[in-house]
Amino acid sequence: MTLDQILPGGNCRILKITYADRLGVRLLTMGVYPGMILRVVRNAPLRDPMEIECEQIFLSLRRKEAQFIEVVPVS
């Protein structure tokens, strides 16, 4: 499952970040790394971008970017 499939309010743990161009490096620089627990806060009106919270930091990601983050839902 990838991050773009998680509904708002859902929590998940990052399993793997697929490095596409400089996207993976940018995510790691922002503090997003495997093992981290994320919460999808909300989607924009047209579902893109999506807002996520990771360790009290809020980030906006495009759905295309979120497709490169493999996650597993947690409760």
PDB file of N, CA and C in Angstrom:
ATOM      1  N   MET A   1       0.852  -1.166   0.000  1.00  0.00           N
ATOM      2  CA  MET A   1       0.000   0.000   0.000  1.00  0.00           C
ATOM      3  C   MET A   1       0.903   1.236   0.000  1.00  0.00           C
ATOM      4  N   THR A   2       0.452   2.269  -0.682  1.00  0.00           N
ATOM      5  CA  THR A   2       1.240   3.501  -0.729  1.00  0.00           C
ATOM      6  C   THR A   2       0.508   4.617   0.019  1.00  0.00           C
ATOM      7  N   LEU A   3       1.232   5.657   0.351  1.00  0.00           N
ATOM      8  CA  LEU A   3       0.705   6.745   1.172  1.00  0.00           C
ATOM      9  C   LEU A   3      -0.501   7.416   0.529  1.00  0.00           C
ATOM     10  N   ASP A   4      -0.558   7.511  -0.774  1.00  0.00           N
ATOM     11  CA  ASP A   4      -1.689   8.181  -1.426  1.00  0.00           C
ATOM     12  C   ASP A   4      -3.004   7.425  -1.243  1.00  0.00           C
ATOM     13  N   GLN A   5      -2.954   6.180  -0.786  1.00  0.00           N
ATOM     14  CA  GLN A   5      -4.160   5.372  -0.581  1.00  0.00           C
ATOM     15  C   GLN A   5      -4.733   5.503   0.837  1.00  0.00           C
ATOM     16  N   ILE A   6      -4.020   6.153   1.732  1.00  0.00           N
ATOM     17  CA  ILE A   6      -4.479   6.324   3.111  1.00  0.00           C
ATOM     18  C   ILE A   6      -5.480   7.483   3.161  1.00  0.00           C
ATOM     19  N   LEU A   7      -6.609   7.256   3.812  1.00  0.00           N
ATOM     20  CA  LEU A   7      -7.648   8.279   3.918  1.00  0.00           C
ATOM     21  C   LEU A   7      -7.309   9.286   5.015  1.00  0.00           C
ATOM     22  N   PRO A   8      -7.854  10.507   4.923  1.00  0.00           N
ATOM     23  CA  PRO A   8      -7.632  11.500   5.974  1.00  0.00           C
ATOM     24  C   PRO A   8      -8.031  10.955   7.347  1.00  0.00           C
ATOM     25  N   GLY A   9      -7.183  11.222   8.337  1.00  0.00           N
ATOM     26  CA  GLY A   9      -7.389  10.713   9.685  1.00  0.00           C
ATOM     27  C   GLY A   9      -6.695   9.388   9.938  1.00  0.00           C
ATOM     28  N   GLY A  10      -6.195   8.766   8.871  1.00  0.00           N
ATOM     29  CA  GLY A  10      -5.532   7.474   8.995  1.00  0.00           C
ATOM     30  C   GLY A  10      -4.068   7.601   9.386  1.00  0.00           C
ATOM     31  N   ASN A  11      -3.602   6.635  10.173  1.00  0.00           N
ATOM     32  CA  ASN A  11      -2.196   6.581  10.580  1.00  0.00           C
ATOM     33  C   ASN A  11      -1.517   5.434   9.854  1.00  0.00           C
ATOM     34  N   CYS A  12      -0.234   5.587   9.572  1.00  0.00           N
ATOM     35  CA  CYS A  12       0.514   4.534   8.898  1.00  0.00           C
ATOM     36  C   CYS A  12       1.994   4.636   9.266  1.00  0.00           C
ATOM     37  N   ARG A  13       2.699   3.536   9.045  1.00  0.00           N
ATOM     38  CA  ARG A  13       4.143   3.486   9.272  1.00  0.00           C
ATOM     39  C   ARG A  13       4.822   3.332   7.913  1.00  0.00           C
ATOM     40  N   ILE A  14       5.879   4.095   7.694  1.00  0.00           N
ATOM     41  CA  ILE A  14       6.612   4.026   6.427  1.00  0.00           C
ATOM     42  C   ILE A  14       7.456   2.756   6.403  1.00  0.00           C
ATOM     43  N   LEU A  15       7.288   1.964   5.358  1.00  0.00           N
ATOM     44  CA  LEU A  15       8.108   0.777   5.169  1.00  0.00           C
ATOM     45  C   LEU A  15       9.306   1.052   4.265  1.00  0.00           C
ATOM     46  N   LYS A  16       9.046   1.822   3.200  1.00  0.00           N
ATOM     47  CA  LYS A  16      10.088   2.020   2.196  1.00  0.00           C
ATOM     48  C   LYS A  16       9.801   3.292   1.408  1.00  0.00           C
ATOM     49  N   ILE A  17      10.848   4.013   1.076  1.00  0.00           N
ATOM     50  CA  ILE A  17      10.741   5.174   0.197  1.00  0.00           C
ATOM     51  C   ILE A  17      11.493   4.834  -1.081  1.00  0.00           C
ATOM     52  N   THR A  18      10.775   4.831  -2.195  1.00  0.00           N
ATOM     53  CA  THR A  18      11.397   4.565  -3.487  1.00  0.00           C
ATOM     54  C   THR A  18      11.994   5.866  -3.999  1.00  0.00           C
ATOM     55  N   TYR A  19      13.241   5.826  -4.330  1.00  0.00           N
ATOM     56  CA  TYR A  19      13.931   7.034  -4.757  1.00  0.00           C
ATOM     57  C   TYR A  19      13.705   7.269  -6.243  1.00  0.00           C
ATOM     58  N   ALA A  20      12.975   8.316  -6.558  1.00  0.00           N
ATOM     59  CA  ALA A  20      12.738   8.713  -7.940  1.00  0.00           C
ATOM     60  C   ALA A  20      13.339  10.105  -8.112  1.00  0.00           C
ATOM     61  N   ASP A  21      14.349  10.190  -8.932  1.00  0.00           N
ATOM     62  CA  ASP A  21      15.058  11.451  -9.125  1.00  0.00           C
ATOM     63  C   ASP A  21      15.545  11.974  -7.778  1.00  0.00           C
ATOM     64  N   ARG A  22      15.222  13.215  -7.451  1.00  0.00           N
ATOM     65  CA  ARG A  22      15.669  13.792  -6.185  1.00  0.00           C
ATOM     66  C   ARG A  22      14.587  13.761  -5.115  1.00  0.00           C
ATOM     67  N   LEU A  23      13.458  13.137  -5.425  1.00  0.00           N
ATOM     68  CA  LEU A  23      12.346  13.107  -4.481  1.00  0.00           C
ATOM     69  C   LEU A  23      12.715  12.414  -3.182  1.00  0.00           C
ATOM     70  N   GLY A  24      13.331  11.250  -3.248  1.00  0.00           N
ATOM     71  CA  GLY A  24      13.701  10.510  -2.043  1.00  0.00           C
ATOM     72  C   GLY A  24      14.651  11.295  -1.164  1.00  0.00           C
ATOM     73  N   VAL A  25      15.623  11.945  -1.773  1.00  0.00           N
ATOM     74  CA  VAL A  25      16.579  12.756  -1.014  1.00  0.00           C
ATOM     75  C   VAL A  25      15.863  13.930  -0.360  1.00  0.00           C
ATOM     76  N   ARG A  26      14.932  14.536  -1.085  1.00  0.00           N
ATOM     77  CA  ARG A  26      14.178  15.666  -0.535  1.00  0.00           C
ATOM     78  C   ARG A  26      13.338  15.230   0.660  1.00  0.00           C
ATOM     79  N   LEU A  27      12.696  14.052   0.562  1.00  0.00           N
ATOM     80  CA  LEU A  27      11.890  13.554   1.674  1.00  0.00           C
ATOM     81  C   LEU A  27      12.755  13.278   2.895  1.00  0.00           C
ATOM     82  N   LEU A  28      13.917  12.673   2.694  1.00  0.00           N
ATOM     83  CA  LEU A  28      14.820  12.414   3.812  1.00  0.00           C
ATOM     84  C   LEU A  28      15.306  13.711   4.436  1.00  0.00           C
ATOM     85  N   THR A  29      15.566  14.720   3.626  1.00  0.00           N
ATOM     86  CA  THR A  29      15.997  16.021   4.125  1.00  0.00           C
ATOM     87  C   THR A  29      14.901  16.671   4.974  1.00  0.00           C
ATOM     88  N   MET A  30      13.639  16.449   4.593  1.00  0.00           N
ATOM     89  CA  MET A  30      12.518  17.006   5.354  1.00  0.00           C
ATOM     90  C   MET A  30      12.231  16.198   6.616  1.00  0.00           C
ATOM     91  N   GLY A  31      12.920  15.073   6.797  1.00  0.00           N
ATOM     92  CA  GLY A  31      12.727  14.283   8.006  1.00  0.00           C
ATOM     93  C   GLY A  31      11.772  13.123   7.854  1.00  0.00           C
ATOM     94  N   VAL A  32      11.435  12.758   6.632  1.00  0.00           N
ATOM     95  CA  VAL A  32      10.559  11.616   6.372  1.00  0.00           C
ATOM     96  C   VAL A  32      11.453  10.420   6.051  1.00  0.00           C
ATOM     97  N   TYR A  33      11.374   9.371   6.885  1.00  0.00           N
ATOM     98  CA  TYR A  33      12.257   8.220   6.707  1.00  0.00           C
ATOM     99  C   TYR A  33      11.523   6.936   7.086  1.00  0.00           C
ATOM    100  N   PRO A  34      12.012   5.768   6.632  1.00  0.00           N
ATOM    101  CA  PRO A  34      11.372   4.492   6.961  1.00  0.00           C
ATOM    102  C   PRO A  34      11.309   4.272   8.475  1.00  0.00           C
ATOM    103  N   GLY A  35      10.182   3.708   8.923  1.00  0.00           N
ATOM    104  CA  GLY A  35       9.962   3.457  10.338  1.00  0.00           C
ATOM    105  C   GLY A  35       9.141   4.543  11.016  1.00  0.00           C
ATOM    106  N   MET A  36       9.042   5.690  10.392  1.00  0.00           N
ATOM    107  CA  MET A  36       8.302   6.819  10.957  1.00  0.00           C
ATOM    108  C   MET A  36       6.793   6.591  10.837  1.00  0.00           C
ATOM    109  N   ILE A  37       6.044   7.051  11.832  1.00  0.00           N
ATOM    110  CA  ILE A  37       4.586   6.981  11.788  1.00  0.00           C
ATOM    111  C   ILE A  37       4.045   8.327  11.308  1.00  0.00           C
ATOM    112  N   LEU A  38       3.169   8.264  10.299  1.00  0.00           N
ATOM    113  CA  LEU A  38       2.568   9.454   9.710  1.00  0.00           C
ATOM    114  C   LEU A  38       1.073   9.447   9.954  1.00  0.00           C
ATOM    115  N   ARG A  39       0.468  10.629   9.908  1.00  0.00           N
ATOM    116  CA  ARG A  39      -0.986  10.754   9.940  1.00  0.00           C
ATOM    117  C   ARG A  39      -1.398  11.626   8.763  1.00  0.00           C
ATOM    118  N   VAL A  40      -2.342  11.147   7.990  1.00  0.00           N
ATOM    119  CA  VAL A  40      -2.879  11.952   6.892  1.00  0.00           C
ATOM    120  C   VAL A  40      -3.903  12.894   7.502  1.00  0.00           C
ATOM    121  N   VAL A  41      -3.647  14.185   7.412  1.00  0.00           N
ATOM    122  CA  VAL A  41      -4.502  15.192   8.042  1.00  0.00           C
ATOM    123  C   VAL A  41      -5.708  15.481   7.159  1.00  0.00           C
ATOM    124  N   ARG A  42      -5.466  15.844   5.909  1.00  0.00           N
ATOM    125  CA  ARG A  42      -6.565  16.177   4.996  1.00  0.00           C
ATOM    126  C   ARG A  42      -6.070  16.217   3.558  1.00  0.00           C
ATOM    127  N   ASN A  43      -7.042  16.231   2.661  1.00  0.00           N
ATOM    128  CA  ASN A  43      -6.764  16.401   1.243  1.00  0.00           C
ATOM    129  C   ASN A  43      -7.265  17.768   0.815  1.00  0.00           C
ATOM    130  N   ALA A  44      -6.648  18.338  -0.186  1.00  0.00           N
ATOM    131  CA  ALA A  44      -7.138  19.580  -0.768  1.00  0.00           C
ATOM    132  C   ALA A  44      -8.470  19.286  -1.470  1.00  0.00           C
ATOM    133  N   PRO A  45      -9.243  20.308  -1.815  1.00  0.00           N
ATOM    134  CA  PRO A  45     -10.555  20.077  -2.435  1.00  0.00           C
ATOM    135  C   PRO A  45     -10.532  19.145  -3.651  1.00  0.00           C
ATOM    136  N   LEU A  46      -9.526  19.204  -4.456  1.00  0.00           N
ATOM    137  CA  LEU A  46      -9.435  18.310  -5.615  1.00  0.00           C
ATOM    138  C   LEU A  46      -8.536  17.101  -5.329  1.00  0.00           C
ATOM    139  N   ARG A  47      -8.334  16.807  -4.039  1.00  0.00           N
ATOM    140  CA  ARG A  47      -7.556  15.678  -3.537  1.00  0.00           C
ATOM    141  C   ARG A  47      -6.054  15.801  -3.770  1.00  0.00           C
ATOM    142  N   ASP A  48      -5.580  16.929  -4.228  1.00  0.00           N
ATOM    143  CA  ASP A  48      -4.150  17.084  -4.443  1.00  0.00           C
ATOM    144  C   ASP A  48      -3.768  18.516  -4.140  1.00  0.00           C
ATOM    145  N   PRO A  49      -2.861  18.817  -3.265  1.00  0.00           N
ATOM    146  CA  PRO A  49      -1.999  17.914  -2.504  1.00  0.00           C
ATOM    147  C   PRO A  49      -2.698  17.381  -1.254  1.00  0.00           C
ATOM    148  N   MET A  50      -1.979  16.520  -0.542  1.00  0.00           N
ATOM    149  CA  MET A  50      -2.457  15.997   0.726  1.00  0.00           C
ATOM    150  C   MET A  50      -1.547  16.509   1.833  1.00  0.00           C
ATOM    151  N   GLU A  51      -2.129  16.739   2.990  1.00  0.00           N
ATOM    152  CA  GLU A  51      -1.353  17.219   4.136  1.00  0.00           C
ATOM    153  C   GLU A  51      -1.110  16.049   5.077  1.00  0.00           C
ATOM    154  N   ILE A  52       0.140  15.879   5.487  1.00  0.00           N
ATOM    155  CA  ILE A  52       0.483  14.816   6.430  1.00  0.00           C
ATOM    156  C   ILE A  52       1.176  15.423   7.647  1.00  0.00           C
ATOM    157  N   GLU A  53       1.076  14.719   8.757  1.00  0.00           N
ATOM    158  CA  GLU A  53       1.759  15.130   9.984  1.00  0.00           C
ATOM    159  C   GLU A  53       2.738  14.038  10.357  1.00  0.00           C
ATOM    160  N   CYS A  54       3.985  14.418  10.580  1.00  0.00           N
ATOM    161  CA  CYS A  54       5.008  13.468  11.009  1.00  0.00           C
ATOM    162  C   CYS A  54       5.828  14.140  12.102  1.00  0.00           C
ATOM    163  N   GLU A  55       5.730  13.566  13.297  1.00  0.00           N
ATOM    164  CA  GLU A  55       6.445  14.087  14.464  1.00  0.00           C
ATOM    165  C   GLU A  55       6.226  15.582  14.652  1.00  0.00           C
ATOM    166  N   GLN A  56       4.975  15.995  14.686  1.00  0.00           N
ATOM    167  CA  GLN A  56       4.545  17.368  14.930  1.00  0.00           C
ATOM    168  C   GLN A  56       4.965  18.342  13.840  1.00  0.00           C
ATOM    169  N   ILE A  57       5.305  17.832  12.669  1.00  0.00           N
ATOM    170  CA  ILE A  57       5.624  18.670  11.522  1.00  0.00           C
ATOM    171  C   ILE A  57       4.580  18.386  10.454  1.00  0.00           C
ATOM    172  N   PHE A  58       4.029  19.422   9.859  1.00  0.00           N
ATOM    173  CA  PHE A  58       3.027  19.264   8.816  1.00  0.00           C
ATOM    174  C   PHE A  58       3.662  19.499   7.456  1.00  0.00           C
ATOM    175  N   LEU A  59       3.429  18.567   6.539  1.00  0.00           N
ATOM    176  CA  LEU A  59       3.980  18.646   5.186  1.00  0.00           C
ATOM    177  C   LEU A  59       2.864  18.471   4.176  1.00  0.00           C
ATOM    178  N   SER A  60       3.009  19.080   3.022  1.00  0.00           N
ATOM    179  CA  SER A  60       2.089  18.860   1.914  1.00  0.00           C
ATOM    180  C   SER A  60       2.833  18.093   0.835  1.00  0.00           C
ATOM    181  N   LEU A  61       2.200  17.027   0.374  1.00  0.00           N
ATOM    182  CA  LEU A  61       2.788  16.199  -0.678  1.00  0.00           C
ATOM    183  C   LEU A  61       1.789  16.044  -1.814  1.00  0.00           C
ATOM    184  N   ARG A  62       2.285  16.074  -3.017  1.00  0.00           N
ATOM    185  CA  ARG A  62       1.437  15.746  -4.155  1.00  0.00           C
ATOM    186  C   ARG A  62       1.177  14.247  -4.139  1.00  0.00           C
ATOM    187  N   ARG A  63       0.074  13.846  -4.700  1.00  0.00           N
ATOM    188  CA  ARG A  63      -0.258  12.420  -4.743  1.00  0.00           C
ATOM    189  C   ARG A  63       0.795  11.631  -5.526  1.00  0.00           C
ATOM    190  N   LYS A  64       1.346  12.225  -6.566  1.00  0.00           N
ATOM    191  CA  LYS A  64       2.407  11.531  -7.320  1.00  0.00           C
ATOM    192  C   LYS A  64       3.621  11.266  -6.435  1.00  0.00           C
ATOM    193  N   GLU A  65       3.920  12.199  -5.544  1.00  0.00           N
ATOM    194  CA  GLU A  65       5.034  12.013  -4.613  1.00  0.00           C
ATOM    195  C   GLU A  65       4.694  10.952  -3.570  1.00  0.00           C
ATOM    196  N   ALA A  66       3.452  10.958  -3.094  1.00  0.00           N
ATOM    197  CA  ALA A  66       3.026  10.004  -2.068  1.00  0.00           C
ATOM    198  C   ALA A  66       3.024   8.568  -2.588  1.00  0.00           C
ATOM    199  N   GLN A  67       2.942   8.389  -3.890  1.00  0.00           N
ATOM    200  CA  GLN A  67       2.959   7.044  -4.484  1.00  0.00           C
ATOM    201  C   GLN A  67       4.309   6.357  -4.313  1.00  0.00           C
ATOM    202  N   PHE A  68       5.349   7.106  -4.033  1.00  0.00           N
ATOM    203  CA  PHE A  68       6.676   6.531  -3.862  1.00  0.00           C
ATOM    204  C   PHE A  68       6.957   6.115  -2.420  1.00  0.00           C
ATOM    205  N   ILE A  69       5.985   6.327  -1.519  1.00  0.00           N
ATOM    206  CA  ILE A  69       6.160   5.991  -0.110  1.00  0.00           C
ATOM    207  C   ILE A  69       5.296   4.785   0.208  1.00  0.00           C
ATOM    208  N   GLU A  70       5.939   3.647   0.462  1.00  0.00           N
ATOM    209  CA  GLU A  70       5.228   2.418   0.806  1.00  0.00           C
ATOM    210  C   GLU A  70       4.964   2.394   2.302  1.00  0.00           C
ATOM    211  N   VAL A  71       3.696   2.164   2.686  1.00  0.00           N
ATOM    212  CA  VAL A  71       3.302   2.229   4.093  1.00  0.00           C
ATOM    213  C   VAL A  71       2.467   1.020   4.485  1.00  0.00           C
ATOM    214  N   VAL A  72       2.295   0.853   5.794  1.00  0.00           N
ATOM    215  CA  VAL A  72       1.385  -0.131   6.359  1.00  0.00           C
ATOM    216  C   VAL A  72       0.512   0.611   7.380  1.00  0.00           C
ATOM    217  N   PRO A  73      -0.817   0.429   7.317  1.00  0.00           N
ATOM    218  CA  PRO A  73      -1.694   1.114   8.274  1.00  0.00           C
ATOM    219  C   PRO A  73      -1.429   0.655   9.712  1.00  0.00           C
ATOM    220  N   VAL A  74      -1.545   1.583  10.659  1.00  0.00           N
ATOM    221  CA  VAL A  74      -1.449   1.269  12.090  1.00  0.00           C
ATOM    222  C   VAL A  74      -2.656   1.876  12.786  1.00  0.00           C
ATOM    223  N   SER A  75      -3.023   1.308  13.921  1.00  0.00           N
ATOM    224  CA  SER A  75      -4.187   1.842  14.633  1.00  0.00           C
ATOM    225  C   SER A  75      -3.770   2.644  15.842  1.00  0.00           C
TER     226      SER A  75
END
